[in-house]
């Protein structure tokens, strides 16, 4: 369990997986999801690491702005600083960013592309202290390997609809046996790098 009781935490995401990870780590928090407008296309010349860092900062910044302007208030805000957590996760293979699939055909395309290859899951993580304005942004990287899928395995997974809303069209937590973590954090692949979050909280506490 992370030492996190000094702050009132707000998760700027509607992701059920991020909520589960944060609650499992012992956090008590509110959820205020950033709008879809906070998700932008990759900019020209932007690396995948820069992209997820920017996305995380934009999501956290949007919600932090609502709190600073008084559009959202909390009963204990005067006693505990409100800190917003923003996160964005993508899969990256051969330099290509794979976000959430738009439909089943898009999911099929992504999984066929990833099959038989190593790829990375990148998460940008941002913490914003709404009282001081302090902002921390970091990126976590996990390396995975996916076996090449047979048509039968691919269609069986697609039929479960578990690919919906997941970067790269897969969820490591779904218990699929054709995916292996080679290096890095499992929680990062699921959607929230808890080890990195703990390190960032320690940095935040030193200010």
N, C-alpha and C. Protein backbone atom coordinates (compact mmCIF):
# COMPACT_ATOMS: atom_id res chain seq x y z
N UNK A 1 0.85 -1.20 0.00
CA UNK A 1 0.00 0.00 0.00
C UNK A 1 0.88 1.24 0.00
N UNK A 2 0.60 2.20 -0.89
CA UNK A 2 1.40 3.41 -0.99
C UNK A 2 1.00 4.41 0.09
N UNK A 3 1.99 5.19 0.54
CA UNK A 3 1.73 6.24 1.52
C UNK A 3 1.12 7.44 0.79
N UNK A 4 -0.20 7.57 0.87
CA UNK A 4 -0.86 8.56 0.01
C UNK A 4 -1.89 9.40 0.74
N UNK A 5 -1.91 9.36 2.05
CA UNK A 5 -3.00 9.98 2.81
C UNK A 5 -2.83 11.49 3.00
N UNK A 6 -1.69 12.05 2.56
CA UNK A 6 -1.47 13.49 2.74
C UNK A 6 -2.29 14.33 1.76
N UNK A 7 -2.85 13.69 0.74
CA UNK A 7 -3.52 14.42 -0.32
C UNK A 7 -4.93 13.89 -0.55
N UNK A 8 -5.75 14.75 -1.12
CA UNK A 8 -7.06 14.32 -1.63
C UNK A 8 -6.84 14.00 -3.11
N UNK A 9 -7.00 12.73 -3.47
CA UNK A 9 -6.66 12.28 -4.81
C UNK A 9 -7.87 12.32 -5.74
N UNK A 10 -7.61 12.71 -6.97
CA UNK A 10 -8.63 12.72 -8.02
C UNK A 10 -8.04 12.01 -9.24
N UNK A 11 -8.72 10.99 -9.71
CA UNK A 11 -8.30 10.28 -10.91
C UNK A 11 -9.02 10.86 -12.12
N UNK A 12 -8.23 11.38 -13.08
CA UNK A 12 -8.81 12.01 -14.26
C UNK A 12 -9.02 10.98 -15.37
N UNK A 13 -9.75 9.92 -15.04
CA UNK A 13 -9.95 8.83 -16.00
C UNK A 13 -11.20 8.05 -15.64
N UNK A 14 -11.93 7.62 -16.66
CA UNK A 14 -13.10 6.77 -16.45
C UNK A 14 -12.74 5.29 -16.56
N UNK A 15 -11.48 4.97 -16.77
CA UNK A 15 -11.06 3.58 -16.97
C UNK A 15 -11.32 2.73 -15.73
N UNK A 16 -12.11 1.66 -15.85
CA UNK A 16 -12.34 0.79 -14.68
C UNK A 16 -11.06 0.09 -14.23
N UNK A 17 -10.15 -0.16 -15.16
CA UNK A 17 -8.90 -0.83 -14.80
C UNK A 17 -8.03 0.09 -13.95
N UNK A 18 -7.98 1.37 -14.28
CA UNK A 18 -7.20 2.31 -13.46
C UNK A 18 -7.84 2.47 -12.08
N UNK A 19 -9.15 2.52 -12.03
CA UNK A 19 -9.82 2.62 -10.73
C UNK A 19 -9.49 1.40 -9.86
N UNK A 20 -9.52 0.21 -10.45
CA UNK A 20 -9.23 -1.01 -9.70
C UNK A 20 -7.80 -1.03 -9.19
N UNK A 21 -6.85 -0.64 -10.03
CA UNK A 21 -5.45 -0.63 -9.63
C UNK A 21 -5.21 0.37 -8.50
N UNK A 22 -5.80 1.55 -8.63
CA UNK A 22 -5.60 2.59 -7.62
C UNK A 22 -6.24 2.19 -6.29
N UNK A 23 -7.44 1.64 -6.35
CA UNK A 23 -8.10 1.18 -5.12
C UNK A 23 -7.34 0.03 -4.49
N UNK A 24 -6.82 -0.89 -5.33
CA UNK A 24 -6.06 -2.02 -4.82
C UNK A 24 -4.77 -1.61 -4.14
N UNK A 25 -4.24 -0.45 -4.52
CA UNK A 25 -3.02 0.07 -3.90
C UNK A 25 -3.32 0.84 -2.62
N UNK A 26 -4.58 0.89 -2.21
CA UNK A 26 -4.94 1.51 -0.94
C UNK A 26 -5.37 2.95 -1.02
N UNK A 27 -5.62 3.47 -2.21
CA UNK A 27 -6.03 4.86 -2.36
C UNK A 27 -7.53 5.02 -2.12
N UNK A 28 -7.88 6.15 -1.52
CA UNK A 28 -9.25 6.63 -1.52
C UNK A 28 -9.25 7.86 -2.43
N UNK A 29 -10.16 7.91 -3.39
CA UNK A 29 -10.06 8.94 -4.41
C UNK A 29 -11.42 9.20 -5.04
N UNK A 30 -11.52 10.36 -5.68
CA UNK A 30 -12.67 10.68 -6.50
C UNK A 30 -12.30 10.48 -7.96
N UNK A 31 -13.29 10.27 -8.81
CA UNK A 31 -13.08 10.11 -10.24
C UNK A 31 -13.77 11.27 -10.96
N UNK A 32 -12.99 12.03 -11.71
CA UNK A 32 -13.52 13.06 -12.59
C UNK A 32 -12.85 12.85 -13.94
N UNK A 33 -13.54 12.23 -14.85
CA UNK A 33 -12.92 11.86 -16.13
C UNK A 33 -12.70 13.08 -17.00
N UNK A 34 -11.52 13.13 -17.62
CA UNK A 34 -11.26 14.17 -18.62
C UNK A 34 -12.14 13.91 -19.83
N UNK A 35 -12.44 14.96 -20.57
CA UNK A 35 -13.30 14.82 -21.74
C UNK A 35 -12.54 14.16 -22.88
N UNK A 36 -13.28 13.68 -23.88
CA UNK A 36 -12.65 13.09 -25.06
C UNK A 36 -11.78 14.09 -25.79
N UNK A 37 -12.07 15.37 -25.59
CA UNK A 37 -11.29 16.42 -26.26
C UNK A 37 -9.85 16.45 -25.76
N UNK A 38 -9.60 15.82 -24.60
CA UNK A 38 -8.23 15.80 -24.07
C UNK A 38 -7.34 14.82 -24.82
N UNK A 39 -7.93 13.97 -25.68
CA UNK A 39 -7.16 13.02 -26.45
C UNK A 39 -6.93 13.55 -27.85
N UNK A 40 -5.68 13.87 -28.15
CA UNK A 40 -5.32 14.45 -29.44
C UNK A 40 -4.55 13.44 -30.28
N UNK A 41 -4.47 13.73 -31.56
CA UNK A 41 -3.63 12.94 -32.45
C UNK A 41 -2.16 13.27 -32.18
N UNK A 42 -1.28 12.37 -32.58
CA UNK A 42 0.15 12.61 -32.40
C UNK A 42 0.58 13.77 -33.28
N UNK A 43 1.43 14.63 -32.74
CA UNK A 43 1.93 15.79 -33.48
C UNK A 43 3.12 15.39 -34.35
N UNK A 44 3.33 16.13 -35.41
CA UNK A 44 4.45 15.85 -36.30
C UNK A 44 5.77 15.97 -35.54
N UNK A 45 6.61 14.95 -35.68
CA UNK A 45 7.91 14.94 -35.02
C UNK A 45 7.87 14.51 -33.56
N UNK A 46 6.69 14.19 -33.04
CA UNK A 46 6.53 13.81 -31.64
C UNK A 46 6.84 12.34 -31.47
N UNK A 47 7.66 11.98 -30.49
CA UNK A 47 7.95 10.58 -30.20
C UNK A 47 6.80 9.98 -29.41
N UNK A 48 6.69 8.64 -29.39
CA UNK A 48 5.63 8.02 -28.56
C UNK A 48 5.73 8.43 -27.10
N UNK A 49 6.95 8.56 -26.57
CA UNK A 49 7.13 8.97 -25.18
C UNK A 49 6.61 10.39 -24.96
N UNK A 50 6.92 11.27 -25.88
CA UNK A 50 6.44 12.65 -25.77
C UNK A 50 4.91 12.70 -25.89
N UNK A 51 4.37 11.84 -26.74
CA UNK A 51 2.92 11.81 -26.94
C UNK A 51 2.18 11.42 -25.67
N UNK A 52 2.59 10.31 -25.04
CA UNK A 52 1.86 9.87 -23.83
C UNK A 52 2.07 10.83 -22.68
N UNK A 53 3.25 11.45 -22.60
CA UNK A 53 3.49 12.45 -21.56
C UNK A 53 2.56 13.65 -21.75
N UNK A 54 2.43 14.11 -22.99
CA UNK A 54 1.56 15.25 -23.27
C UNK A 54 0.09 14.91 -23.00
N UNK A 55 -0.33 13.72 -23.41
CA UNK A 55 -1.71 13.32 -23.19
C UNK A 55 -2.04 13.24 -21.70
N UNK A 56 -1.13 12.66 -20.92
CA UNK A 56 -1.36 12.56 -19.48
C UNK A 56 -1.46 13.94 -18.84
N UNK A 57 -0.58 14.83 -19.27
CA UNK A 57 -0.59 16.18 -18.72
C UNK A 57 -1.87 16.93 -19.10
N UNK A 58 -2.31 16.75 -20.34
CA UNK A 58 -3.54 17.43 -20.77
C UNK A 58 -4.75 16.93 -20.00
N UNK A 59 -4.82 15.61 -19.77
CA UNK A 59 -5.97 15.06 -19.04
C UNK A 59 -5.99 15.55 -17.59
N UNK A 60 -4.83 15.48 -16.94
CA UNK A 60 -4.75 15.96 -15.56
C UNK A 60 -4.99 17.46 -15.51
N UNK A 61 -4.45 18.19 -16.49
CA UNK A 61 -4.60 19.64 -16.50
C UNK A 61 -6.03 20.09 -16.69
N UNK A 62 -6.78 19.37 -17.50
CA UNK A 62 -8.18 19.73 -17.71
C UNK A 62 -8.96 19.62 -16.41
N UNK A 63 -8.78 18.54 -15.69
CA UNK A 63 -9.52 18.33 -14.43
C UNK A 63 -9.00 19.28 -13.35
N UNK A 64 -7.68 19.49 -13.30
CA UNK A 64 -7.12 20.42 -12.31
C UNK A 64 -7.67 21.82 -12.53
N UNK A 65 -7.87 22.20 -13.79
CA UNK A 65 -8.43 23.51 -14.09
C UNK A 65 -9.84 23.67 -13.55
N UNK A 66 -10.65 22.63 -13.67
CA UNK A 66 -12.01 22.67 -13.13
C UNK A 66 -11.99 22.88 -11.62
N UNK A 67 -11.05 22.22 -10.96
CA UNK A 67 -10.96 22.33 -9.50
C UNK A 67 -10.48 23.71 -9.10
N UNK A 68 -9.45 24.22 -9.79
CA UNK A 68 -8.91 25.54 -9.46
C UNK A 68 -9.95 26.65 -9.65
N UNK A 69 -10.77 26.50 -10.68
CA UNK A 69 -11.79 27.52 -10.96
C UNK A 69 -13.00 27.40 -10.05
N UNK A 70 -13.02 26.40 -9.19
CA UNK A 70 -14.12 26.23 -8.26
C UNK A 70 -15.33 25.57 -8.87
N UNK A 71 -15.20 25.03 -10.08
CA UNK A 71 -16.34 24.34 -10.72
C UNK A 71 -16.59 22.99 -10.06
N UNK A 72 -15.56 22.47 -9.39
CA UNK A 72 -15.68 21.24 -8.60
C UNK A 72 -15.01 21.52 -7.27
N UNK A 73 -15.67 21.19 -6.18
CA UNK A 73 -15.12 21.44 -4.85
C UNK A 73 -15.25 20.19 -3.98
N UNK A 74 -14.36 20.09 -3.00
CA UNK A 74 -14.36 18.95 -2.07
C UNK A 74 -14.37 19.49 -0.65
N UNK A 75 -15.02 18.76 0.22
CA UNK A 75 -15.17 19.20 1.60
C UNK A 75 -13.88 19.35 2.37
N UNK A 76 -12.87 18.55 2.03
CA UNK A 76 -11.63 18.60 2.81
C UNK A 76 -10.51 19.33 2.07
N UNK A 77 -10.86 20.10 1.03
CA UNK A 77 -9.84 20.73 0.20
C UNK A 77 -8.93 21.66 1.00
N UNK A 78 -9.47 22.31 2.05
CA UNK A 78 -8.64 23.23 2.83
C UNK A 78 -7.68 22.48 3.73
N UNK A 79 -8.01 21.26 4.09
CA UNK A 79 -7.15 20.48 4.98
C UNK A 79 -6.15 19.61 4.24
N UNK A 80 -6.51 19.16 3.05
CA UNK A 80 -5.60 18.32 2.26
C UNK A 80 -5.53 18.86 0.83
N UNK A 81 -4.34 19.10 0.33
CA UNK A 81 -4.21 19.55 -1.06
C UNK A 81 -4.80 18.51 -2.01
N UNK A 82 -5.48 18.98 -3.03
CA UNK A 82 -6.05 18.08 -4.04
C UNK A 82 -5.01 17.83 -5.12
N UNK A 83 -4.73 16.55 -5.38
CA UNK A 83 -3.77 16.17 -6.41
C UNK A 83 -4.50 15.33 -7.46
N UNK A 84 -4.36 15.74 -8.71
CA UNK A 84 -5.00 15.05 -9.83
C UNK A 84 -4.01 14.10 -10.49
N UNK A 85 -4.48 12.88 -10.79
CA UNK A 85 -3.68 11.88 -11.49
C UNK A 85 -4.20 11.75 -12.91
N UNK A 86 -3.33 12.00 -13.88
CA UNK A 86 -3.67 11.80 -15.29
C UNK A 86 -2.77 10.73 -15.88
N UNK A 87 -3.33 9.87 -16.71
CA UNK A 87 -2.53 8.79 -17.30
C UNK A 87 -3.01 8.51 -18.72
N UNK A 88 -2.06 8.18 -19.59
CA UNK A 88 -2.40 7.77 -20.95
C UNK A 88 -1.50 6.59 -21.33
N UNK A 89 -2.09 5.55 -21.91
CA UNK A 89 -1.36 4.33 -22.23
C UNK A 89 -1.55 3.96 -23.70
N UNK A 90 -0.45 3.61 -24.36
CA UNK A 90 -0.52 3.15 -25.75
C UNK A 90 0.42 1.96 -25.92
N UNK A 91 0.17 1.18 -26.96
CA UNK A 91 1.11 0.16 -27.40
C UNK A 91 1.92 0.74 -28.55
N UNK A 92 3.20 0.38 -28.61
CA UNK A 92 4.07 0.88 -29.68
C UNK A 92 4.82 -0.31 -30.28
N UNK A 93 4.71 -0.46 -31.59
CA UNK A 93 5.40 -1.56 -32.28
C UNK A 93 6.01 -1.01 -33.56
N UNK A 94 7.32 -1.22 -33.69
CA UNK A 94 8.05 -0.76 -34.87
C UNK A 94 7.79 0.72 -35.15
N UNK A 95 7.73 1.49 -34.06
CA UNK A 95 7.56 2.93 -34.16
C UNK A 95 6.14 3.40 -34.35
N UNK A 96 5.20 2.48 -34.47
CA UNK A 96 3.80 2.84 -34.69
C UNK A 96 3.03 2.82 -33.37
N UNK A 97 2.27 3.88 -33.12
CA UNK A 97 1.46 3.97 -31.91
C UNK A 97 0.11 3.31 -32.15
N UNK A 98 -0.25 2.41 -31.25
CA UNK A 98 -1.54 1.74 -31.31
C UNK A 98 -2.35 2.13 -30.08
N UNK A 99 -3.38 2.93 -30.30
CA UNK A 99 -4.24 3.33 -29.20
C UNK A 99 -5.40 2.37 -29.06
N UNK A 100 -6.55 2.89 -28.66
CA UNK A 100 -7.74 2.05 -28.51
C UNK A 100 -8.37 1.81 -29.88
N UNK A 101 -8.75 0.57 -30.18
CA UNK A 101 -9.36 0.29 -31.48
C UNK A 101 -10.72 0.95 -31.62
N UNK A 102 -11.01 1.41 -32.83
CA UNK A 102 -12.29 2.07 -33.07
C UNK A 102 -13.43 1.08 -33.23
N UNK A 103 -13.13 -0.13 -33.71
CA UNK A 103 -14.14 -1.15 -33.93
C UNK A 103 -13.45 -2.50 -34.04
N UNK A 104 -14.20 -3.56 -34.30
CA UNK A 104 -13.64 -4.90 -34.31
C UNK A 104 -12.64 -5.09 -35.47
N UNK A 105 -12.87 -4.44 -36.59
CA UNK A 105 -11.93 -4.55 -37.70
C UNK A 105 -10.60 -3.89 -37.36
N UNK A 106 -10.67 -2.77 -36.65
CA UNK A 106 -9.46 -2.08 -36.22
C UNK A 106 -8.72 -2.94 -35.20
N UNK A 107 -9.45 -3.60 -34.30
CA UNK A 107 -8.84 -4.48 -33.31
C UNK A 107 -8.16 -5.67 -34.00
N UNK A 108 -8.80 -6.23 -34.99
CA UNK A 108 -8.23 -7.35 -35.75
C UNK A 108 -6.92 -6.94 -36.43
N UNK A 109 -6.93 -5.75 -37.02
CA UNK A 109 -5.74 -5.23 -37.68
C UNK A 109 -4.58 -5.07 -36.70
N UNK A 110 -4.88 -4.51 -35.54
CA UNK A 110 -3.84 -4.30 -34.52
C UNK A 110 -3.24 -5.62 -34.05
N UNK A 111 -4.09 -6.58 -33.75
CA UNK A 111 -3.60 -7.85 -33.21
C UNK A 111 -2.82 -8.64 -34.26
N UNK A 112 -3.22 -8.56 -35.51
CA UNK A 112 -2.45 -9.22 -36.57
C UNK A 112 -1.08 -8.57 -36.74
N UNK A 113 -1.05 -7.24 -36.57
CA UNK A 113 0.23 -6.52 -36.67
C UNK A 113 1.15 -6.88 -35.51
N UNK A 114 0.60 -7.00 -34.29
CA UNK A 114 1.41 -7.29 -33.11
C UNK A 114 1.85 -8.75 -33.04
N UNK A 115 1.08 -9.66 -33.64
CA UNK A 115 1.37 -11.09 -33.55
C UNK A 115 2.75 -11.43 -34.10
N UNK A 116 3.53 -12.18 -33.30
CA UNK A 116 4.87 -12.60 -33.70
C UNK A 116 5.92 -11.53 -33.50
N UNK A 117 5.58 -10.42 -32.84
CA UNK A 117 6.52 -9.32 -32.64
C UNK A 117 6.63 -8.94 -31.16
N UNK A 118 7.76 -8.35 -30.83
CA UNK A 118 7.88 -7.66 -29.55
C UNK A 118 7.34 -6.25 -29.71
N UNK A 119 6.77 -5.73 -28.64
CA UNK A 119 6.32 -4.36 -28.67
C UNK A 119 6.42 -3.77 -27.27
N UNK A 120 6.12 -2.52 -27.15
CA UNK A 120 6.20 -1.82 -25.87
C UNK A 120 4.83 -1.28 -25.49
N UNK A 121 4.58 -1.24 -24.19
CA UNK A 121 3.47 -0.47 -23.65
C UNK A 121 4.07 0.74 -22.95
N UNK A 122 3.63 1.92 -23.35
CA UNK A 122 4.09 3.16 -22.76
C UNK A 122 2.94 3.84 -22.04
N UNK A 123 3.19 4.30 -20.83
CA UNK A 123 2.21 5.08 -20.09
C UNK A 123 2.83 6.40 -19.67
N UNK A 124 2.15 7.49 -20.01
CA UNK A 124 2.50 8.78 -19.45
C UNK A 124 1.71 8.97 -18.17
N UNK A 125 2.37 9.45 -17.11
CA UNK A 125 1.73 9.65 -15.81
C UNK A 125 1.99 11.07 -15.35
N UNK A 126 0.93 11.76 -14.96
CA UNK A 126 1.05 13.15 -14.53
C UNK A 126 0.35 13.35 -13.19
N UNK A 127 1.02 14.06 -12.28
CA UNK A 127 0.42 14.47 -11.01
C UNK A 127 0.43 15.99 -10.96
N UNK A 128 -0.72 16.58 -10.64
CA UNK A 128 -0.82 18.03 -10.49
C UNK A 128 -1.39 18.36 -9.12
N UNK A 129 -0.62 19.07 -8.32
CA UNK A 129 -1.09 19.59 -7.04
C UNK A 129 -1.85 20.88 -7.34
N UNK A 130 -3.17 20.86 -7.16
CA UNK A 130 -3.98 22.01 -7.56
C UNK A 130 -3.79 23.20 -6.64
N UNK A 131 -3.24 22.98 -5.45
CA UNK A 131 -3.00 24.10 -4.53
C UNK A 131 -1.75 24.86 -4.91
N UNK A 132 -0.66 24.14 -5.21
CA UNK A 132 0.62 24.79 -5.49
C UNK A 132 0.90 24.94 -6.98
N UNK A 133 0.18 24.16 -7.80
CA UNK A 133 0.45 24.17 -9.23
C UNK A 133 1.58 23.26 -9.64
N UNK A 134 2.23 22.62 -8.67
CA UNK A 134 3.34 21.72 -8.98
C UNK A 134 2.85 20.59 -9.90
N UNK A 135 3.62 20.33 -10.94
CA UNK A 135 3.25 19.31 -11.93
C UNK A 135 4.43 18.38 -12.17
N UNK A 136 4.19 17.09 -12.05
CA UNK A 136 5.20 16.07 -12.34
C UNK A 136 4.71 15.20 -13.48
N UNK A 137 5.58 14.91 -14.44
CA UNK A 137 5.23 14.06 -15.58
C UNK A 137 6.36 13.08 -15.83
N UNK A 138 6.03 11.80 -15.91
CA UNK A 138 7.01 10.75 -16.19
C UNK A 138 6.40 9.75 -17.15
N UNK A 139 7.26 8.90 -17.73
CA UNK A 139 6.81 7.86 -18.66
C UNK A 139 7.36 6.50 -18.23
N UNK A 140 6.50 5.50 -18.22
CA UNK A 140 6.88 4.11 -17.89
C UNK A 140 6.85 3.26 -19.16
N UNK A 141 7.78 2.32 -19.27
CA UNK A 141 7.91 1.47 -20.45
C UNK A 141 7.95 0.00 -20.03
N UNK A 142 7.13 -0.81 -20.69
CA UNK A 142 7.14 -2.27 -20.49
C UNK A 142 7.28 -2.94 -21.86
N UNK A 143 8.14 -3.96 -21.92
CA UNK A 143 8.37 -4.69 -23.17
C UNK A 143 7.62 -6.02 -23.12
N UNK A 144 6.87 -6.32 -24.19
CA UNK A 144 6.09 -7.55 -24.26
C UNK A 144 6.38 -8.28 -25.56
N UNK A 145 6.03 -9.55 -25.55
CA UNK A 145 6.11 -10.37 -26.76
C UNK A 145 4.76 -11.05 -26.96
N UNK A 146 4.26 -10.99 -28.20
CA UNK A 146 2.99 -11.62 -28.52
C UNK A 146 3.21 -12.70 -29.58
N UNK A 147 2.75 -13.90 -29.29
CA UNK A 147 2.84 -14.97 -30.29
C UNK A 147 1.97 -14.66 -31.49
N UNK A 148 2.35 -15.16 -32.63
CA UNK A 148 1.52 -15.00 -33.81
C UNK A 148 0.25 -15.82 -33.62
N UNK A 149 -0.89 -15.19 -33.84
CA UNK A 149 -2.17 -15.82 -33.54
C UNK A 149 -2.71 -16.58 -34.74
N UNK A 150 -3.30 -17.73 -34.46
CA UNK A 150 -4.05 -18.42 -35.51
C UNK A 150 -5.34 -17.65 -35.74
N UNK A 151 -5.95 -17.87 -36.88
CA UNK A 151 -7.23 -17.21 -37.15
C UNK A 151 -8.26 -17.57 -36.10
N UNK A 152 -8.23 -18.84 -35.65
CA UNK A 152 -9.19 -19.30 -34.65
C UNK A 152 -8.99 -18.58 -33.31
N UNK A 153 -7.72 -18.45 -32.88
CA UNK A 153 -7.44 -17.77 -31.61
C UNK A 153 -7.81 -16.30 -31.69
N UNK A 154 -7.49 -15.69 -32.81
CA UNK A 154 -7.79 -14.27 -32.98
C UNK A 154 -9.29 -14.02 -32.94
N UNK A 155 -10.05 -14.78 -33.69
CA UNK A 155 -11.50 -14.55 -33.74
C UNK A 155 -12.17 -14.89 -32.42
N UNK A 156 -11.63 -15.89 -31.71
CA UNK A 156 -12.19 -16.24 -30.40
C UNK A 156 -12.00 -15.09 -29.41
N UNK A 157 -10.84 -14.45 -29.45
CA UNK A 157 -10.61 -13.32 -28.55
C UNK A 157 -11.47 -12.13 -28.94
N UNK A 158 -11.55 -11.86 -30.23
CA UNK A 158 -12.38 -10.74 -30.67
C UNK A 158 -13.83 -10.92 -30.27
N UNK A 159 -14.29 -12.16 -30.27
CA UNK A 159 -15.68 -12.45 -29.93
C UNK A 159 -15.99 -12.17 -28.46
N UNK A 160 -14.96 -12.12 -27.62
CA UNK A 160 -15.19 -11.82 -26.19
C UNK A 160 -15.45 -10.34 -25.94
N UNK A 161 -15.09 -9.50 -26.90
CA UNK A 161 -15.20 -8.04 -26.79
C UNK A 161 -14.31 -7.47 -25.69
N UNK A 162 -13.36 -8.27 -25.19
CA UNK A 162 -12.45 -7.78 -24.16
C UNK A 162 -11.45 -6.77 -24.71
N UNK A 163 -11.33 -6.68 -26.01
CA UNK A 163 -10.40 -5.73 -26.65
C UNK A 163 -10.91 -4.30 -26.59
N UNK A 164 -12.18 -4.12 -26.32
CA UNK A 164 -12.76 -2.77 -26.37
C UNK A 164 -12.15 -1.86 -25.31
N UNK A 165 -11.78 -0.66 -25.75
CA UNK A 165 -11.26 0.35 -24.84
C UNK A 165 -9.85 0.10 -24.36
N UNK A 166 -9.11 -0.80 -25.02
CA UNK A 166 -7.77 -1.16 -24.56
C UNK A 166 -6.73 -0.85 -25.63
N UNK A 167 -5.65 -0.19 -25.22
CA UNK A 167 -4.59 0.15 -26.15
C UNK A 167 -3.99 -1.10 -26.76
N UNK A 168 -3.87 -1.10 -28.08
CA UNK A 168 -3.34 -2.26 -28.76
C UNK A 168 -4.35 -3.38 -28.96
N UNK A 169 -5.58 -3.18 -28.49
CA UNK A 169 -6.67 -4.14 -28.64
C UNK A 169 -6.51 -5.40 -27.81
N UNK A 170 -5.78 -5.29 -26.69
CA UNK A 170 -5.65 -6.46 -25.82
C UNK A 170 -5.56 -6.00 -24.37
N UNK A 171 -5.89 -6.92 -23.46
CA UNK A 171 -5.73 -6.65 -22.04
C UNK A 171 -4.91 -7.77 -21.40
N UNK A 172 -3.77 -7.42 -20.85
CA UNK A 172 -2.93 -8.44 -20.21
C UNK A 172 -3.68 -9.13 -19.09
N UNK A 173 -4.55 -8.39 -18.43
CA UNK A 173 -5.32 -8.92 -17.31
C UNK A 173 -6.39 -9.91 -17.75
N UNK A 174 -6.60 -10.05 -19.06
CA UNK A 174 -7.62 -10.97 -19.55
C UNK A 174 -7.19 -12.43 -19.48
N UNK A 175 -5.94 -12.68 -19.09
CA UNK A 175 -5.46 -14.05 -18.93
C UNK A 175 -5.13 -14.75 -20.24
N UNK A 176 -4.82 -13.98 -21.27
CA UNK A 176 -4.50 -14.57 -22.57
C UNK A 176 -3.10 -15.18 -22.53
N UNK A 177 -2.97 -16.39 -23.08
CA UNK A 177 -1.70 -17.12 -22.97
C UNK A 177 -0.74 -16.83 -24.12
N UNK A 178 -1.12 -15.95 -25.04
CA UNK A 178 -0.24 -15.65 -26.16
C UNK A 178 0.48 -14.32 -25.99
N UNK A 179 0.52 -13.83 -24.74
CA UNK A 179 1.18 -12.56 -24.44
C UNK A 179 2.09 -12.74 -23.23
N UNK A 180 3.32 -12.23 -23.32
CA UNK A 180 4.29 -12.39 -22.25
C UNK A 180 5.01 -11.07 -22.00
N UNK A 181 5.18 -10.72 -20.72
CA UNK A 181 5.97 -9.55 -20.36
C UNK A 181 7.44 -9.95 -20.32
N UNK A 182 8.25 -9.25 -21.08
CA UNK A 182 9.69 -9.51 -21.13
C UNK A 182 10.43 -8.66 -20.10
N UNK A 183 9.98 -7.42 -19.97
CA UNK A 183 10.67 -6.48 -19.08
C UNK A 183 9.71 -5.40 -18.65
N UNK A 184 9.68 -5.10 -17.34
CA UNK A 184 8.88 -3.98 -16.87
C UNK A 184 7.67 -4.36 -16.04
N UNK A 185 6.82 -3.39 -15.84
CA UNK A 185 5.71 -3.46 -14.89
C UNK A 185 4.43 -4.02 -15.50
N UNK A 186 3.81 -4.97 -14.80
CA UNK A 186 2.52 -5.51 -15.23
C UNK A 186 1.42 -4.46 -15.10
N UNK A 187 1.44 -3.70 -13.99
CA UNK A 187 0.39 -2.69 -13.80
C UNK A 187 0.43 -1.63 -14.89
N UNK A 188 1.61 -1.38 -15.44
CA UNK A 188 1.73 -0.44 -16.54
C UNK A 188 0.95 -0.93 -17.76
N UNK A 189 1.03 -2.23 -18.04
CA UNK A 189 0.33 -2.79 -19.19
C UNK A 189 -1.19 -2.72 -18.97
N UNK A 190 -1.60 -2.91 -17.73
CA UNK A 190 -3.03 -2.86 -17.42
C UNK A 190 -3.55 -1.43 -17.52
N UNK A 191 -2.68 -0.44 -17.25
CA UNK A 191 -3.11 0.93 -17.47
C UNK A 191 -2.68 1.97 -16.47
N UNK A 192 -1.98 1.57 -15.38
CA UNK A 192 -1.52 2.56 -14.39
C UNK A 192 -0.26 2.02 -13.72
N UNK A 193 0.92 2.60 -14.01
CA UNK A 193 2.18 2.09 -13.45
C UNK A 193 2.32 2.46 -11.97
N UNK A 194 2.01 1.51 -11.10
CA UNK A 194 1.95 1.80 -9.68
C UNK A 194 3.32 2.08 -9.07
N UNK A 195 4.36 1.39 -9.55
CA UNK A 195 5.71 1.65 -9.04
C UNK A 195 6.14 3.08 -9.34
N UNK A 196 5.90 3.51 -10.56
CA UNK A 196 6.23 4.88 -10.94
C UNK A 196 5.39 5.87 -10.14
N UNK A 197 4.12 5.56 -9.93
CA UNK A 197 3.26 6.43 -9.14
C UNK A 197 3.82 6.62 -7.74
N UNK A 198 4.28 5.53 -7.12
CA UNK A 198 4.86 5.63 -5.78
C UNK A 198 6.09 6.52 -5.76
N UNK A 199 6.94 6.38 -6.77
CA UNK A 199 8.14 7.23 -6.85
C UNK A 199 7.78 8.70 -7.02
N UNK A 200 6.76 8.96 -7.81
CA UNK A 200 6.35 10.34 -8.05
C UNK A 200 5.71 10.96 -6.80
N UNK A 201 5.00 10.14 -6.04
CA UNK A 201 4.42 10.64 -4.79
C UNK A 201 5.53 11.05 -3.82
N UNK A 202 6.61 10.27 -3.79
CA UNK A 202 7.74 10.63 -2.92
C UNK A 202 8.35 11.95 -3.36
N UNK A 203 8.45 12.18 -4.67
CA UNK A 203 8.97 13.46 -5.17
C UNK A 203 8.03 14.59 -4.79
N UNK A 204 6.74 14.35 -4.91
CA UNK A 204 5.74 15.36 -4.59
C UNK A 204 5.80 15.73 -3.11
N UNK A 205 6.04 14.76 -2.26
CA UNK A 205 6.05 14.97 -0.82
C UNK A 205 7.26 15.75 -0.36
N UNK A 206 8.31 15.81 -1.17
CA UNK A 206 9.54 16.50 -0.78
C UNK A 206 9.47 17.99 -1.04
N UNK A 207 8.47 18.40 -1.81
CA UNK A 207 8.40 19.82 -2.19
C UNK A 207 7.93 20.67 -1.01
